[in-house]
Amino acid sequence: MNIKEYRQIAGAIQLFHVLIVFSMIVAILSIFFYEPLRFYSAIWLTLTYLLNKFYGGCPLTIEEYKLRELSGERIKRKKFVARVFKNCFNLNISDKSLNRGLTLFFFISLFVIILHLI
């Protein structure tokens, strides 16, 4: 592959990542406000959290960074959401803060799943 193809694939991964983050936002909102999807949203959030912990980070972010490095881009290794907030809103959010938020939503989701199964 050439440099242009690496960048195009990285861009496609980034677009797919935006869709995943959007689905997670919808899942978070539905846990609090929409009863019919509460259980499924909790499962989705729990699985994405566990996937992040298993891989040591989001697999999409890891692959995107590999492709961007192969294309010769210089990148700062930050979580995807932190990078979006920095680029779109000029807000610096630390990876540590994002991890705390994800952990909070994981425990809320786990609580919802346990309540549903009881």
PDB file of N, CA and C in Angstrom:
ATOM      1  N   MET A   1       0.836  -1.195   0.000  1.00  0.00           N
ATOM      2  CA  MET A   1       0.000   0.000   0.000  1.00  0.00           C
ATOM      3  C   MET A   1       0.872   1.246   0.000  1.00  0.00           C
ATOM      4  N   ASN A   2       0.297   2.314  -0.510  1.00  0.00           N
ATOM      5  CA  ASN A   2       1.041   3.566  -0.504  1.00  0.00           C
ATOM      6  C   ASN A   2       0.510   4.497   0.595  1.00  0.00           C
ATOM      7  N   ILE A   3       1.144   5.628   0.737  1.00  0.00           N
ATOM      8  CA  ILE A   3       0.821   6.576   1.802  1.00  0.00           C
ATOM      9  C   ILE A   3      -0.627   7.040   1.730  1.00  0.00           C
ATOM     10  N   LYS A   4      -1.104   7.304   0.529  1.00  0.00           N
ATOM     11  CA  LYS A   4      -2.470   7.795   0.354  1.00  0.00           C
ATOM     12  C   LYS A   4      -3.488   6.750   0.818  1.00  0.00           C
ATOM     13  N   GLU A   5      -3.227   5.506   0.520  1.00  0.00           N
ATOM     14  CA  GLU A   5      -4.155   4.454   0.928  1.00  0.00           C
ATOM     15  C   GLU A   5      -4.183   4.297   2.450  1.00  0.00           C
ATOM     16  N   TYR A   6      -3.022   4.413   3.092  1.00  0.00           N
ATOM     17  CA  TYR A   6      -2.986   4.351   4.555  1.00  0.00           C
ATOM     18  C   TYR A   6      -3.830   5.471   5.159  1.00  0.00           C
ATOM     19  N   ARG A   7      -3.705   6.662   4.603  1.00  0.00           N
ATOM     20  CA  ARG A   7      -4.481   7.797   5.114  1.00  0.00           C
ATOM     21  C   ARG A   7      -5.971   7.605   4.876  1.00  0.00           C
ATOM     22  N   GLN A   8      -6.343   7.056   3.729  1.00  0.00           N
ATOM     23  CA  GLN A   8      -7.757   6.834   3.433  1.00  0.00           C
ATOM     24  C   GLN A   8      -8.361   5.797   4.380  1.00  0.00           C
ATOM     25  N   ILE A   9      -7.638   4.729   4.630  1.00  0.00           N
ATOM     26  CA  ILE A   9      -8.137   3.706   5.553  1.00  0.00           C
ATOM     27  C   ILE A   9      -8.225   4.271   6.963  1.00  0.00           C
ATOM     28  N   ALA A  10      -7.232   5.067   7.370  1.00  0.00           N
ATOM     29  CA  ALA A  10      -7.267   5.707   8.695  1.00  0.00           C
ATOM     30  C   ALA A  10      -8.467   6.643   8.794  1.00  0.00           C
ATOM     31  N   GLY A  11      -8.767   7.361   7.725  1.00  0.00           N
ATOM     32  CA  GLY A  11      -9.933   8.240   7.699  1.00  0.00           C
ATOM     33  C   GLY A  11     -11.232   7.465   7.801  1.00  0.00           C
ATOM     34  N   ALA A  12     -11.297   6.308   7.141  1.00  0.00           N
ATOM     35  CA  ALA A  12     -12.489   5.466   7.227  1.00  0.00           C
ATOM     36  C   ALA A  12     -12.669   4.926   8.641  1.00  0.00           C
ATOM     37  N   ILE A  13     -11.578   4.538   9.258  1.00  0.00           N
ATOM     38  CA  ILE A  13     -11.645   4.064  10.649  1.00  0.00           C
ATOM     39  C   ILE A  13     -12.117   5.191  11.554  1.00  0.00           C
ATOM     40  N   GLN A  14     -11.632   6.395  11.310  1.00  0.00           N
ATOM     41  CA  GLN A  14     -12.035   7.536  12.120  1.00  0.00           C
ATOM     42  C   GLN A  14     -13.537   7.804  11.964  1.00  0.00           C
ATOM     43  N   LEU A  15     -14.052   7.702  10.747  1.00  0.00           N
ATOM     44  CA  LEU A  15     -15.483   7.894  10.518  1.00  0.00           C
ATOM     45  C   LEU A  15     -16.295   6.814  11.230  1.00  0.00           C
ATOM     46  N   PHE A  16     -15.852   5.581  11.132  1.00  0.00           N
ATOM     47  CA  PHE A  16     -16.523   4.488  11.825  1.00  0.00           C
ATOM     48  C   PHE A  16     -16.482   4.717  13.335  1.00  0.00           C
ATOM     49  N   HIS A  17     -15.375   5.236  13.813  1.00  0.00           N
ATOM     50  CA  HIS A  17     -15.215   5.539  15.232  1.00  0.00           C
ATOM     51  C   HIS A  17     -16.224   6.596  15.675  1.00  0.00           C
ATOM     52  N   VAL A  18     -16.453   7.591  14.845  1.00  0.00           N
ATOM     53  CA  VAL A  18     -17.451   8.622  15.160  1.00  0.00           C
ATOM     54  C   VAL A  18     -18.824   7.974  15.331  1.00  0.00           C
ATOM     55  N   LEU A  19     -19.164   7.025  14.464  1.00  0.00           N
ATOM     56  CA  LEU A  19     -20.452   6.337  14.563  1.00  0.00           C
ATOM     57  C   LEU A  19     -20.550   5.521  15.854  1.00  0.00           C
ATOM     58  N   ILE A  20     -19.463   4.871  16.230  1.00  0.00           N
ATOM     59  CA  ILE A  20     -19.449   4.092  17.469  1.00  0.00           C
ATOM     60  C   ILE A  20     -19.632   5.012  18.678  1.00  0.00           C
ATOM     61  N   VAL A  21     -18.920   6.131  18.695  1.00  0.00           N
ATOM     62  CA  VAL A  21     -19.045   7.073  19.818  1.00  0.00           C
ATOM     63  C   VAL A  21     -20.464   7.631  19.867  1.00  0.00           C
ATOM     64  N   PHE A  22     -21.043   7.938  18.715  1.00  0.00           N
ATOM     65  CA  PHE A  22     -22.428   8.423  18.675  1.00  0.00           C
ATOM     66  C   PHE A  22     -23.376   7.370  19.250  1.00  0.00           C
ATOM     67  N   SER A  23     -23.169   6.104  18.894  1.00  0.00           N
ATOM     68  CA  SER A  23     -24.025   5.044  19.428  1.00  0.00           C
ATOM     69  C   SER A  23     -23.855   4.913  20.942  1.00  0.00           C
ATOM     70  N   MET A  24     -22.644   5.171  21.435  1.00  0.00           N
ATOM     71  CA  MET A  24     -22.418   5.112  22.872  1.00  0.00           C
ATOM     72  C   MET A  24     -23.128   6.271  23.587  1.00  0.00           C
ATOM     73  N   ILE A  25     -23.139   7.430  22.969  1.00  0.00           N
ATOM     74  CA  ILE A  25     -23.858   8.573  23.552  1.00  0.00           C
ATOM     75  C   ILE A  25     -25.349   8.270  23.614  1.00  0.00           C
ATOM     76  N   VAL A  26     -25.881   7.698  22.537  1.00  0.00           N
ATOM     77  CA  VAL A  26     -27.296   7.311  22.521  1.00  0.00           C
ATOM     78  C   VAL A  26     -27.560   6.264  23.598  1.00  0.00           C
ATOM     79  N   ALA A  27     -26.637   5.313  23.762  1.00  0.00           N
ATOM     80  CA  ALA A  27     -26.799   4.277  24.783  1.00  0.00           C
ATOM     81  C   ALA A  27     -26.806   4.878  26.184  1.00  0.00           C
ATOM     82  N   ILE A  28     -25.917   5.828  26.429  1.00  0.00           N
ATOM     83  CA  ILE A  28     -25.870   6.479  27.742  1.00  0.00           C
ATOM     84  C   ILE A  28     -27.185   7.205  28.018  1.00  0.00           C
ATOM     85  N   LEU A  29     -27.673   7.928  27.031  1.00  0.00           N
ATOM     86  CA  LEU A  29     -28.929   8.648  27.208  1.00  0.00           C
ATOM     87  C   LEU A  29     -30.100   7.687  27.409  1.00  0.00           C
ATOM     88  N   SER A  30     -30.103   6.585  26.677  1.00  0.00           N
ATOM     89  CA  SER A  30     -31.220   5.650  26.800  1.00  0.00           C
ATOM     90  C   SER A  30     -31.216   4.925  28.140  1.00  0.00           C
ATOM     91  N   ILE A  31     -30.049   4.757  28.744  1.00  0.00           N
ATOM     92  CA  ILE A  31     -30.011   4.152  30.082  1.00  0.00           C
ATOM     93  C   ILE A  31     -30.789   5.012  31.076  1.00  0.00           C
ATOM     94  N   PHE A  32     -30.677   6.308  30.928  1.00  0.00           N
ATOM     95  CA  PHE A  32     -31.322   7.204  31.875  1.00  0.00           C
ATOM     96  C   PHE A  32     -32.743   7.605  31.484  1.00  0.00           C
ATOM     97  N   PHE A  33     -33.052   7.620  30.176  1.00  0.00           N
ATOM     98  CA  PHE A  33     -34.314   8.218  29.751  1.00  0.00           C
ATOM     99  C   PHE A  33     -35.246   7.325  28.933  1.00  0.00           C
ATOM    100  N   TYR A  34     -34.795   6.160  28.501  1.00  0.00           N
ATOM    101  CA  TYR A  34     -35.642   5.359  27.607  1.00  0.00           C
ATOM    102  C   TYR A  34     -35.651   3.909  28.064  1.00  0.00           C
ATOM    103  N   GLU A  35     -36.688   3.556  28.779  1.00  0.00           N
ATOM    104  CA  GLU A  35     -36.797   2.243  29.416  1.00  0.00           C
ATOM    105  C   GLU A  35     -36.658   1.053  28.459  1.00  0.00           C
ATOM    106  N   PRO A  36     -37.310   1.037  27.293  1.00  0.00           N
ATOM    107  CA  PRO A  36     -37.233  -0.169  26.443  1.00  0.00           C
ATOM    108  C   PRO A  36     -35.810  -0.541  26.000  1.00  0.00           C
ATOM    109  N   LEU A  37     -34.917   0.408  25.860  1.00  0.00           N
ATOM    110  CA  LEU A  37     -33.553   0.111  25.416  1.00  0.00           C
ATOM    111  C   LEU A  37     -32.538   0.076  26.556  1.00  0.00           C
ATOM    112  N   ARG A  38     -32.979   0.271  27.777  1.00  0.00           N
ATOM    113  CA  ARG A  38     -32.072   0.386  28.910  1.00  0.00           C
ATOM    114  C   ARG A  38     -31.147  -0.831  29.040  1.00  0.00           C
ATOM    115  N   PHE A  39     -31.705  -2.033  29.003  1.00  0.00           N
ATOM    116  CA  PHE A  39     -30.912  -3.244  29.184  1.00  0.00           C
ATOM    117  C   PHE A  39     -29.905  -3.417  28.052  1.00  0.00           C
ATOM    118  N   TYR A  40     -30.332  -3.251  26.818  1.00  0.00           N
ATOM    119  CA  TYR A  40     -29.434  -3.438  25.666  1.00  0.00           C
ATOM    120  C   TYR A  40     -28.345  -2.371  25.610  1.00  0.00           C
ATOM    121  N   SER A  41     -28.702  -1.176  26.003  1.00  0.00           N
ATOM    122  CA  SER A  41     -27.705  -0.112  26.069  1.00  0.00           C
ATOM    123  C   SER A  41     -26.654  -0.414  27.124  1.00  0.00           C
ATOM    124  N   ALA A  42     -27.097  -0.942  28.249  1.00  0.00           N
ATOM    125  CA  ALA A  42     -26.162  -1.294  29.312  1.00  0.00           C
ATOM    126  C   ALA A  42     -25.222  -2.400  28.853  1.00  0.00           C
ATOM    127  N   ILE A  43     -25.739  -3.366  28.130  1.00  0.00           N
ATOM    128  CA  ILE A  43     -24.883  -4.433  27.595  1.00  0.00           C
ATOM    129  C   ILE A  43     -23.866  -3.854  26.618  1.00  0.00           C
ATOM    130  N   TRP A  44     -24.309  -2.974  25.729  1.00  0.00           N
ATOM    131  CA  TRP A  44     -23.414  -2.351  24.743  1.00  0.00           C
ATOM    132  C   TRP A  44     -22.292  -1.581  25.438  1.00  0.00           C
ATOM    133  N   LEU A  45     -22.636  -0.781  26.427  1.00  0.00           N
ATOM    134  CA  LEU A  45     -21.627   0.003  27.137  1.00  0.00           C
ATOM    135  C   LEU A  45     -20.664  -0.893  27.917  1.00  0.00           C
ATOM    136  N   THR A  46     -21.187  -1.942  28.510  1.00  0.00           N
ATOM    137  CA  THR A  46     -20.342  -2.869  29.260  1.00  0.00           C
ATOM    138  C   THR A  46     -19.362  -3.579  28.325  1.00  0.00           C
ATOM    139  N   LEU A  47     -19.845  -4.035  27.199  1.00  0.00           N
ATOM    140  CA  LEU A  47     -18.969  -4.737  26.251  1.00  0.00           C
ATOM    141  C   LEU A  47     -17.889  -3.823  25.674  1.00  0.00           C
ATOM    142  N   THR A  48     -18.235  -2.574  25.361  1.00  0.00           N
ATOM    143  CA  THR A  48     -17.216  -1.667  24.830  1.00  0.00           C
ATOM    144  C   THR A  48     -16.168  -1.338  25.894  1.00  0.00           C
ATOM    145  N   TYR A  49     -16.594  -1.212  27.134  1.00  0.00           N
ATOM    146  CA  TYR A  49     -15.643  -0.966  28.220  1.00  0.00           C
ATOM    147  C   TYR A  49     -14.688  -2.153  28.371  1.00  0.00           C
ATOM    148  N   LEU A  50     -15.245  -3.354  28.390  1.00  0.00           N
ATOM    149  CA  LEU A  50     -14.410  -4.545  28.548  1.00  0.00           C
ATOM    150  C   LEU A  50     -13.466  -4.736  27.366  1.00  0.00           C
ATOM    151  N   LEU A  51     -13.919  -4.400  26.173  1.00  0.00           N
ATOM    152  CA  LEU A  51     -13.067  -4.476  24.986  1.00  0.00           C
ATOM    153  C   LEU A  51     -11.894  -3.507  25.105  1.00  0.00           C
ATOM    154  N   ASN A  52     -12.171  -2.306  25.577  1.00  0.00           N
ATOM    155  CA  ASN A  52     -11.112  -1.323  25.815  1.00  0.00           C
ATOM    156  C   ASN A  52     -10.095  -1.838  26.826  1.00  0.00           C
ATOM    157  N   LYS A  53     -10.573  -2.429  27.893  1.00  0.00           N
ATOM    158  CA  LYS A  53      -9.669  -2.932  28.931  1.00  0.00           C
ATOM    159  C   LYS A  53      -8.866  -4.135  28.426  1.00  0.00           C
ATOM    160  N   PHE A  54      -9.502  -4.985  27.631  1.00  0.00           N
ATOM    161  CA  PHE A  54      -8.828  -6.171  27.105  1.00  0.00           C
ATOM    162  C   PHE A  54      -7.687  -5.798  26.160  1.00  0.00           C
ATOM    163  N   TYR A  55      -7.920  -4.811  25.286  1.00  0.00           N
ATOM    164  CA  TYR A  55      -6.903  -4.400  24.309  1.00  0.00           C
ATOM    165  C   TYR A  55      -5.949  -3.335  24.845  1.00  0.00           C
ATOM    166  N   GLY A  56      -6.230  -2.780  25.987  1.00  0.00           N
ATOM    167  CA  GLY A  56      -5.391  -1.720  26.524  1.00  0.00           C
ATOM    168  C   GLY A  56      -5.688  -0.386  25.872  1.00  0.00           C
ATOM    169  N   GLY A  57      -6.822  -0.274  25.266  1.00  0.00           N
ATOM    170  CA  GLY A  57      -7.269   0.930  24.577  1.00  0.00           C
ATOM    171  C   GLY A  57      -8.259   0.531  23.506  1.00  0.00           C
ATOM    172  N   CYS A  58      -8.849   1.495  22.891  1.00  0.00           N
ATOM    173  CA  CYS A  58      -9.822   1.205  21.836  1.00  0.00           C
ATOM    174  C   CYS A  58      -9.105   0.606  20.630  1.00  0.00           C
ATOM    175  N   PRO A  59      -9.551  -0.546  20.163  1.00  0.00           N
ATOM    176  CA  PRO A  59      -8.913  -1.166  18.998  1.00  0.00           C
ATOM    177  C   PRO A  59      -8.944  -0.274  17.752  1.00  0.00           C
ATOM    178  N   LEU A  60     -10.012   0.499  17.598  1.00  0.00           N
ATOM    179  CA  LEU A  60     -10.093   1.406  16.448  1.00  0.00           C
ATOM    180  C   LEU A  60      -9.026   2.491  16.529  1.00  0.00           C
ATOM    181  N   THR A  61      -8.838   3.060  17.699  1.00  0.00           N
ATOM    182  CA  THR A  61      -7.820   4.091  17.878  1.00  0.00           C
ATOM    183  C   THR A  61      -6.426   3.526  17.634  1.00  0.00           C
ATOM    184  N   ILE A  62      -6.177   2.339  18.154  1.00  0.00           N
ATOM    185  CA  ILE A  62      -4.870   1.705  17.982  1.00  0.00           C
ATOM    186  C   ILE A  62      -4.571   1.479  16.502  1.00  0.00           C
ATOM    187  N   GLU A  63      -5.531   0.949  15.774  1.00  0.00           N
ATOM    188  CA  GLU A  63      -5.332   0.696  14.335  1.00  0.00           C
ATOM    189  C   GLU A  63      -5.190   1.997  13.553  1.00  0.00           C
ATOM    190  N   GLU A  64      -6.003   2.990  13.895  1.00  0.00           N
ATOM    191  CA  GLU A  64      -5.910   4.285  13.203  1.00  0.00           C
ATOM    192  C   GLU A  64      -4.521   4.887  13.387  1.00  0.00           C
ATOM    193  N   TYR A  65      -3.997   4.852  14.617  1.00  0.00           N
ATOM    194  CA  TYR A  65      -2.662   5.390  14.867  1.00  0.00           C
ATOM    195  C   TYR A  65      -1.590   4.640  14.089  1.00  0.00           C
ATOM    196  N   LYS A  66      -1.708   3.317  14.023  1.00  0.00           N
ATOM    197  CA  LYS A  66      -0.739   2.536  13.246  1.00  0.00           C
ATOM    198  C   LYS A  66      -0.746   2.964  11.782  1.00  0.00           C
ATOM    199  N   LEU A  67      -1.943   3.122  11.222  1.00  0.00           N
ATOM    200  CA  LEU A  67      -2.046   3.517   9.816  1.00  0.00           C
ATOM    201  C   LEU A  67      -1.533   4.931   9.597  1.00  0.00           C
ATOM    202  N   ARG A  68      -1.836   5.822  10.498  1.00  0.00           N
ATOM    203  CA  ARG A  68      -1.352   7.205  10.350  1.00  0.00           C
ATOM    204  C   ARG A  68       0.173   7.261  10.455  1.00  0.00           C
ATOM    205  N   GLU A  69       0.748   6.471  11.326  1.00  0.00           N
ATOM    206  CA  GLU A  69       2.209   6.426  11.432  1.00  0.00           C
ATOM    207  C   GLU A  69       2.827   5.830  10.170  1.00  0.00           C
ATOM    208  N   LEU A  70       2.182   4.808   9.607  1.00  0.00           N
ATOM    209  CA  LEU A  70       2.672   4.223   8.356  1.00  0.00           C
ATOM    210  C   LEU A  70       2.607   5.210   7.199  1.00  0.00           C
ATOM    211  N   SER A  71       1.657   6.145   7.278  1.00  0.00           N
ATOM    212  CA  SER A  71       1.532   7.140   6.212  1.00  0.00           C
ATOM    213  C   SER A  71       2.490   8.315   6.418  1.00  0.00           C
ATOM    214  N   GLY A  72       3.209   8.305   7.543  1.00  0.00           N
ATOM    215  CA  GLY A  72       4.195   9.354   7.783  1.00  0.00           C
ATOM    216  C   GLY A  72       3.689  10.512   8.608  1.00  0.00           C
ATOM    217  N   GLU A  73       2.459  10.445   9.087  1.00  0.00           N
ATOM    218  CA  GLU A  73       1.919  11.536   9.899  1.00  0.00           C
ATOM    219  C   GLU A  73       2.534  11.503  11.294  1.00  0.00           C
ATOM    220  N   ARG A  74       2.710  12.673  11.867  1.00  0.00           N
ATOM    221  CA  ARG A  74       3.143  12.777  13.258  1.00  0.00           C
ATOM    222  C   ARG A  74       1.885  12.983  14.090  1.00  0.00           C
ATOM    223  N   ILE A  75       1.708  12.132  15.058  1.00  0.00           N
ATOM    224  CA  ILE A  75       0.494  12.196  15.860  1.00  0.00           C
ATOM    225  C   ILE A  75       0.839  12.187  17.339  1.00  0.00           C
ATOM    226  N   LYS A  76      -0.056  12.793  18.104  1.00  0.00           N
ATOM    227  CA  LYS A  76       0.029  12.701  19.555  1.00  0.00           C
ATOM    228  C   LYS A  76      -0.926  11.598  19.973  1.00  0.00           C
ATOM    229  N   ARG A  77      -0.434  10.681  20.745  1.00  0.00           N
ATOM    230  CA  ARG A  77      -1.255   9.546  21.167  1.00  0.00           C
ATOM    231  C   ARG A  77      -2.197   9.983  22.285  1.00  0.00           C
ATOM    232  N   LYS A  78      -3.435  10.264  21.882  1.00  0.00           N
ATOM    233  CA  LYS A  78      -4.494  10.589  22.821  1.00  0.00           C
ATOM    234  C   LYS A  78      -5.693   9.737  22.472  1.00  0.00           C
ATOM    235  N   LYS A  79      -6.586   9.585  23.415  1.00  0.00           N
ATOM    236  CA  LYS A  79      -7.816   8.858  23.135  1.00  0.00           C
ATOM    237  C   LYS A  79      -8.616   9.630  22.091  1.00  0.00           C
ATOM    238  N   PHE A  80      -9.419   8.895  21.341  1.00  0.00           N
ATOM    239  CA  PHE A  80     -10.184   9.480  20.246  1.00  0.00           C
ATOM    240  C   PHE A  80     -11.073  10.626  20.719  1.00  0.00           C
ATOM    241  N   VAL A  81     -11.814  10.407  21.802  1.00  0.00           N
ATOM    242  CA  VAL A  81     -12.747  11.433  22.281  1.00  0.00           C
ATOM    243  C   VAL A  81     -11.987  12.675  22.736  1.00  0.00           C
ATOM    244  N   ALA A  82     -10.857  12.497  23.395  1.00  0.00           N
ATOM    245  CA  ALA A  82     -10.048  13.647  23.820  1.00  0.00           C
ATOM    246  C   ALA A  82      -9.545  14.417  22.610  1.00  0.00           C
ATOM    247  N   ARG A  83      -9.157  13.699  21.577  1.00  0.00           N
ATOM    248  CA  ARG A  83      -8.679  14.343  20.341  1.00  0.00           C
ATOM    249  C   ARG A  83      -9.797  15.120  19.653  1.00  0.00           C
ATOM    250  N   VAL A  84     -11.006  14.558  19.650  1.00  0.00           N
ATOM    251  CA  VAL A  84     -12.148  15.242  19.030  1.00  0.00           C
ATOM    252  C   VAL A  84     -12.486  16.515  19.796  1.00  0.00           C
ATOM    253  N   PHE A  85     -12.505  16.423  21.128  1.00  0.00           N
ATOM    254  CA  PHE A  85     -12.795  17.609  21.933  1.00  0.00           C
ATOM    255  C   PHE A  85     -11.741  18.693  21.725  1.00  0.00           C
ATOM    256  N   LYS A  86     -10.488  18.294  21.589  1.00  0.00           N
ATOM    257  CA  LYS A  86      -9.416  19.263  21.356  1.00  0.00           C
ATOM    258  C   LYS A  86      -9.563  19.913  19.986  1.00  0.00           C
ATOM    259  N   ASN A  87      -9.812  19.106  18.950  1.00  0.00           N
ATOM    260  CA  ASN A  87      -9.891  19.633  17.590  1.00  0.00           C
ATOM    261  C   ASN A  87     -11.172  20.422  17.326  1.00  0.00           C
ATOM    262  N   CYS A  88     -12.294  19.973  17.872  1.00  0.00           N
ATOM    263  CA  CYS A  88     -13.575  20.608  17.570  1.00  0.00           C
ATOM    264  C   CYS A  88     -13.940  21.747  18.530  1.00  0.00           C
ATOM    265  N   PHE A  89     -13.623  21.569  19.802  1.00  0.00           N
ATOM    266  CA  PHE A  89     -14.067  22.527  20.804  1.00  0.00           C
ATOM    267  C   PHE A  89     -12.926  23.239  21.523  1.00  0.00           C
ATOM    268  N   ASN A  90     -11.684  22.913  21.161  1.00  0.00           N
ATOM    269  CA  ASN A  90     -10.498  23.474  21.788  1.00  0.00           C
ATOM    270  C   ASN A  90     -10.494  23.258  23.308  1.00  0.00           C
ATOM    271  N   LEU A  91     -10.959  22.089  23.729  1.00  0.00           N
ATOM    272  CA  LEU A  91     -10.980  21.716  25.136  1.00  0.00           C
ATOM    273  C   LEU A  91      -9.992  20.585  25.362  1.00  0.00           C
ATOM    274  N   ASN A  92      -9.150  20.741  26.368  1.00  0.00           N
ATOM    275  CA  ASN A  92      -8.213  19.679  26.713  1.00  0.00           C
ATOM    276  C   ASN A  92      -8.827  18.794  27.784  1.00  0.00           C
ATOM    277  N   ILE A  93      -9.086  17.558  27.419  1.00  0.00           N
ATOM    278  CA  ILE A  93      -9.597  16.575  28.362  1.00  0.00           C
ATOM    279  C   ILE A  93      -8.535  15.494  28.474  1.00  0.00           C
ATOM    280  N   SER A  94      -8.143  15.200  29.684  1.00  0.00           N
ATOM    281  CA  SER A  94      -7.083  14.211  29.868  1.00  0.00           C
ATOM    282  C   SER A  94      -7.633  12.799  29.663  1.00  0.00           C
ATOM    283  N   ASP A  95      -6.739  11.913  29.276  1.00  0.00           N
ATOM    284  CA  ASP A  95      -7.115  10.509  29.122  1.00  0.00           C
ATOM    285  C   ASP A  95      -7.564   9.926  30.458  1.00  0.00           C
ATOM    286  N   LYS A  96      -6.973  10.418  31.528  1.00  0.00           N
ATOM    287  CA  LYS A  96      -7.341   9.946  32.862  1.00  0.00           C
ATOM    288  C   LYS A  96      -8.801  10.295  33.182  1.00  0.00           C
ATOM    289  N   SER A  97      -9.228  11.496  32.816  1.00  0.00           N
ATOM    290  CA  SER A  97     -10.621  11.901  33.031  1.00  0.00           C
ATOM    291  C   SER A  97     -11.575  11.048  32.205  1.00  0.00           C
ATOM    292  N   LEU A  98     -11.188  10.770  30.970  1.00  0.00           N
ATOM    293  CA  LEU A  98     -12.023   9.921  30.122  1.00  0.00           C
ATOM    294  C   LEU A  98     -12.121   8.513  30.689  1.00  0.00           C
ATOM    295  N   ASN A  99     -11.027   7.989  31.188  1.00  0.00           N
ATOM    296  CA  ASN A  99     -11.059   6.656  31.799  1.00  0.00           C
ATOM    297  C   ASN A  99     -11.986   6.623  33.005  1.00  0.00           C
ATOM    298  N   ARG A 100     -11.960   7.669  33.793  1.00  0.00           N
ATOM    299  CA  ARG A 100     -12.864   7.733  34.955  1.00  0.00           C
ATOM    300  C   ARG A 100     -14.317   7.761  34.503  1.00  0.00           C
ATOM    301  N   GLY A 101     -14.612   8.535  33.472  1.00  0.00           N
ATOM    302  CA  GLY A 101     -15.977   8.582  32.949  1.00  0.00           C
ATOM    303  C   GLY A 101     -16.426   7.239  32.406  1.00  0.00           C
ATOM    304  N   LEU A 102     -15.555   6.579  31.655  1.00  0.00           N
ATOM    305  CA  LEU A 102     -15.893   5.253  31.129  1.00  0.00           C
ATOM    306  C   LEU A 102     -16.119   4.253  32.251  1.00  0.00           C
ATOM    307  N   THR A 103     -15.300   4.333  33.284  1.00  0.00           N
ATOM    308  CA  THR A 103     -15.453   3.424  34.421  1.00  0.00           C
ATOM    309  C   THR A 103     -16.774   3.681  35.136  1.00  0.00           C
ATOM    310  N   LEU A 104     -17.139   4.944  35.291  1.00  0.00           N
ATOM    311  CA  LEU A 104     -18.415   5.289  35.909  1.00  0.00           C
ATOM    312  C   LEU A 104     -19.571   4.702  35.121  1.00  0.00           C
ATOM    313  N   PHE A 105     -19.565   4.893  33.796  1.00  0.00           N
ATOM    314  CA  PHE A 105     -20.647   4.362  32.967  1.00  0.00           C
ATOM    315  C   PHE A 105     -20.641   2.833  32.936  1.00  0.00           C
ATOM    316  N   PHE A 106     -19.467   2.227  33.082  1.00  0.00           N
ATOM    317  CA  PHE A 106     -19.389   0.775  33.173  1.00  0.00           C
ATOM    318  C   PHE A 106     -20.130   0.285  34.415  1.00  0.00           C
ATOM    319  N   PHE A 107     -19.879   0.905  35.549  1.00  0.00           N
ATOM    320  CA  PHE A 107     -20.531   0.461  36.781  1.00  0.00           C
ATOM    321  C   PHE A 107     -22.035   0.763  36.766  1.00  0.00           C
ATOM    322  N   ILE A 108     -22.415   1.880  36.185  1.00  0.00           N
ATOM    323  CA  ILE A 108     -23.848   2.166  36.038  1.00  0.00           C
ATOM    324  C   ILE A 108     -24.489   1.109  35.152  1.00  0.00           C
ATOM    325  N   SER A 109     -23.838   0.769  34.050  1.00  0.00           N
ATOM    326  CA  SER A 109     -24.364  -0.240  33.137  1.00  0.00           C
ATOM    327  C   SER A 109     -24.440  -1.603  33.810  1.00  0.00           C
ATOM    328  N   LEU A 110     -23.415  -1.942  34.551  1.00  0.00           N
ATOM    329  CA  LEU A 110     -23.407  -3.214  35.270  1.00  0.00           C
ATOM    330  C   LEU A 110     -24.558  -3.269  36.279  1.00  0.00           C
ATOM    331  N   PHE A 111     -24.794  -2.179  36.950  1.00  0.00           N
ATOM    332  CA  PHE A 111     -25.902  -2.082  37.905  1.00  0.00           C
ATOM    333  C   PHE A 111     -27.243  -2.282  37.197  1.00  0.00           C
ATOM    334  N   VAL A 112     -27.403  -1.652  36.032  1.00  0.00           N
ATOM    335  CA  VAL A 112     -28.643  -1.794  35.249  1.00  0.00           C
ATOM    336  C   VAL A 112     -28.839  -3.249  34.819  1.00  0.00           C
ATOM    337  N   ILE A 113     -27.783  -3.899  34.385  1.00  0.00           N
ATOM    338  CA  ILE A 113     -27.880  -5.300  33.963  1.00  0.00           C
ATOM    339  C   ILE A 113     -28.268  -6.188  35.149  1.00  0.00           C
ATOM    340  N   ILE A 114     -27.650  -5.975  36.286  1.00  0.00           N
ATOM    341  CA  ILE A 114     -27.966  -6.781  37.471  1.00  0.00           C
ATOM    342  C   ILE A 114     -29.418  -6.567  37.880  1.00  0.00           C
ATOM    343  N   LEU A 115     -29.878  -5.321  37.878  1.00  0.00           N
ATOM    344  CA  LEU A 115     -31.283  -5.054  38.232  1.00  0.00           C
ATOM    345  C   LEU A 115     -32.239  -5.719  37.253  1.00  0.00           C
ATOM    346  N   HIS A 116     -31.861  -5.740  35.996  1.00  0.00           N
ATOM    347  CA  HIS A 116     -32.712  -6.353  34.979  1.00  0.00           C
ATOM    348  C   HIS A 116     -32.808  -7.869  35.158  1.00  0.00           C
ATOM    349  N   LEU A 117     -31.720  -8.478  35.574  1.00  0.00           N
ATOM    350  CA  LEU A 117     -31.675  -9.937  35.702  1.00  0.00           C
ATOM    351  C   LEU A 117     -32.302 -10.438  37.008  1.00  0.00           C
ATOM    352  N   ILE A 118     -32.438  -9.541  37.975  1.00  0.00           N
ATOM    353  CA  ILE A 118     -33.021  -9.963  39.270  1.00  0.00           C
ATOM    354  C   ILE A 118     -34.519 -10.075  39.167  1.00  0.00           C
TER     355      ILE A 118
END
